């Protein structure tokens, strides 16, 4: 109960070609994974994407929401299992201040952590 939260800000929904274009032109990317990434077993594909981005000089990091996944640390473990370096995986409160200076945020399987109306 209580007052309905006002949704502010903007988001952009794009198709695959648009995503490729955005990733190709970005200098910095923050990936926000959620439980949907775990369900899809997409950690290996994401790890490969990160390797490709880094090889092209794109500064890439992960932002892990405190309640992402089915249990604390689940996404950290999955990303480590896929070979994502620990030093680019951050808790959300550690990385929040970097979002305004980031070219692109990629939300993967985490709609409920970024959209309170979900």
Protein backbone atom coordinates (compact mmCIF):
# COMPACT_ATOMS: atom_id res chain seq x y z
CA UNK A 1 0.00 0.00 0.00
CA UNK A 2 1.04 3.59 -0.20
CA UNK A 3 1.60 6.06 -2.95
CA UNK A 4 2.36 4.78 -6.44
CA UNK A 5 5.97 5.38 -7.44
CA UNK A 6 6.39 7.83 -10.29
CA UNK A 7 8.44 6.44 -13.15
CA UNK A 8 11.01 8.95 -14.36
CA UNK A 9 13.79 8.90 -16.92
CA UNK A 10 13.85 7.37 -20.35
CA UNK A 11 14.68 4.03 -21.87
CA UNK A 12 15.20 2.88 -25.43
CA UNK A 13 14.07 -0.46 -26.80
CA UNK A 14 15.97 -1.60 -29.88
CA UNK A 15 16.27 -4.63 -32.15
CA UNK A 16 19.36 -6.81 -32.71
CA UNK A 17 20.81 -4.56 -35.43
CA UNK A 18 20.34 -1.55 -33.17
CA UNK A 19 22.04 -3.34 -30.27
CA UNK A 20 25.02 -4.24 -32.45
CA UNK A 21 25.25 -0.63 -33.61
CA UNK A 22 25.09 0.70 -30.04
CA UNK A 23 27.73 -1.78 -28.82
CA UNK A 24 30.00 -1.09 -31.78
CA UNK A 25 29.94 2.65 -31.19
CA UNK A 26 30.20 2.64 -27.38
CA UNK A 27 33.41 3.47 -25.55
CA UNK A 28 32.02 2.30 -22.20
CA UNK A 29 29.35 -0.28 -21.37
CA UNK A 30 27.79 -1.42 -18.10
CA UNK A 31 25.98 -4.76 -18.24
CA UNK A 32 23.20 -5.31 -15.67
CA UNK A 33 22.43 -9.04 -15.52
CA UNK A 34 19.47 -10.63 -13.77
CA UNK A 35 17.93 -14.00 -13.09
CA UNK A 36 16.82 -14.25 -16.72
CA UNK A 37 20.50 -14.51 -17.69
CA UNK A 38 20.85 -17.50 -15.35
CA UNK A 39 17.68 -19.18 -16.65
CA UNK A 40 18.87 -18.78 -20.24
CA UNK A 41 22.39 -20.00 -19.31
CA UNK A 42 23.63 -16.94 -21.17
CA UNK A 43 26.69 -16.31 -19.00
CA UNK A 44 29.00 -17.90 -21.58
CA UNK A 45 27.62 -15.85 -24.46
CA UNK A 46 27.90 -12.69 -22.34
CA UNK A 47 31.49 -13.57 -21.41
CA UNK A 48 32.33 -13.93 -25.12
CA UNK A 49 30.65 -10.62 -25.89
CA UNK A 50 32.69 -8.94 -23.14
CA UNK A 51 35.93 -10.41 -24.56
CA UNK A 52 35.03 -9.03 -27.98
CA UNK A 53 34.15 -5.60 -26.59
CA UNK A 54 37.36 -5.42 -24.56
CA UNK A 55 39.43 -6.50 -27.57
CA UNK A 56 37.98 -3.49 -29.40
CA UNK A 57 38.89 -1.14 -26.54
CA UNK A 58 35.42 -0.85 -25.02
CA UNK A 59 35.58 -0.26 -21.26
CA UNK A 60 33.15 -2.93 -19.99
CA UNK A 61 31.85 -3.61 -16.48
CA UNK A 62 29.02 -5.47 -14.77
CA UNK A 63 26.61 -4.00 -12.21
CA UNK A 64 25.06 -6.64 -9.97
CA UNK A 65 21.86 -5.65 -8.17
CA UNK A 66 21.72 -6.89 -4.56
CA UNK A 67 18.64 -9.04 -5.21
CA UNK A 68 19.57 -10.30 -8.68
CA UNK A 69 19.26 -14.03 -9.07
CA UNK A 70 17.66 -16.61 -6.81
CA UNK A 71 20.23 -16.26 -4.02
CA UNK A 72 22.90 -13.71 -3.07
CA UNK A 73 26.00 -14.08 -5.21
CA UNK A 74 24.39 -16.32 -7.84
CA UNK A 75 25.22 -14.03 -10.75
CA UNK A 76 28.76 -13.43 -9.48
CA UNK A 77 29.33 -17.20 -9.45
CA UNK A 78 27.83 -17.70 -12.93
CA UNK A 79 29.95 -14.90 -14.42
CA UNK A 80 33.11 -16.26 -12.74
CA UNK A 81 32.27 -19.75 -14.04
CA UNK A 82 32.12 -18.28 -17.56
CA UNK A 83 35.52 -16.63 -17.15
CA UNK A 84 34.45 -13.01 -16.59
CA UNK A 85 37.29 -11.31 -14.67
CA UNK A 86 36.41 -10.47 -11.05
CA UNK A 87 37.71 -6.91 -11.36
CA UNK A 88 34.96 -5.89 -13.80
CA UNK A 89 32.08 -7.27 -11.71
CA UNK A 90 30.74 -4.70 -9.22
CA UNK A 91 27.90 -4.44 -6.76
CA UNK A 92 25.29 -1.90 -7.86
CA UNK A 93 26.08 0.54 -5.05
CA UNK A 94 29.76 0.53 -6.05
CA UNK A 95 29.09 1.40 -9.67
CA UNK A 96 25.94 3.57 -9.59
CA UNK A 97 27.89 6.81 -9.88
CA UNK A 98 29.47 5.64 -13.15
CA UNK A 99 26.18 5.35 -15.08
CA UNK A 100 25.96 9.04 -16.09
CA UNK A 101 29.39 8.80 -17.76
CA UNK A 102 28.68 5.45 -19.45
CA UNK A 103 27.73 5.32 -23.13
CA UNK A 104 25.50 2.25 -22.91
CA UNK A 105 23.79 0.17 -20.23
CA UNK A 106 22.75 -3.32 -21.35
CA UNK A 107 20.02 -4.94 -19.25
CA UNK A 108 19.91 -8.71 -19.63
CA UNK A 109 17.22 -10.70 -17.85
CA UNK A 110 16.83 -8.04 -15.16
CA UNK A 111 13.64 -6.17 -16.01
CA UNK A 112 12.34 -6.34 -12.43
CA UNK A 113 15.48 -4.73 -10.99
CA UNK A 114 15.40 -1.73 -13.32
CA UNK A 115 11.63 -1.27 -13.73
CA UNK A 116 9.69 -0.95 -10.50
CA UNK A 117 6.43 -1.31 -12.43
CA UNK A 118 7.39 -4.80 -13.64
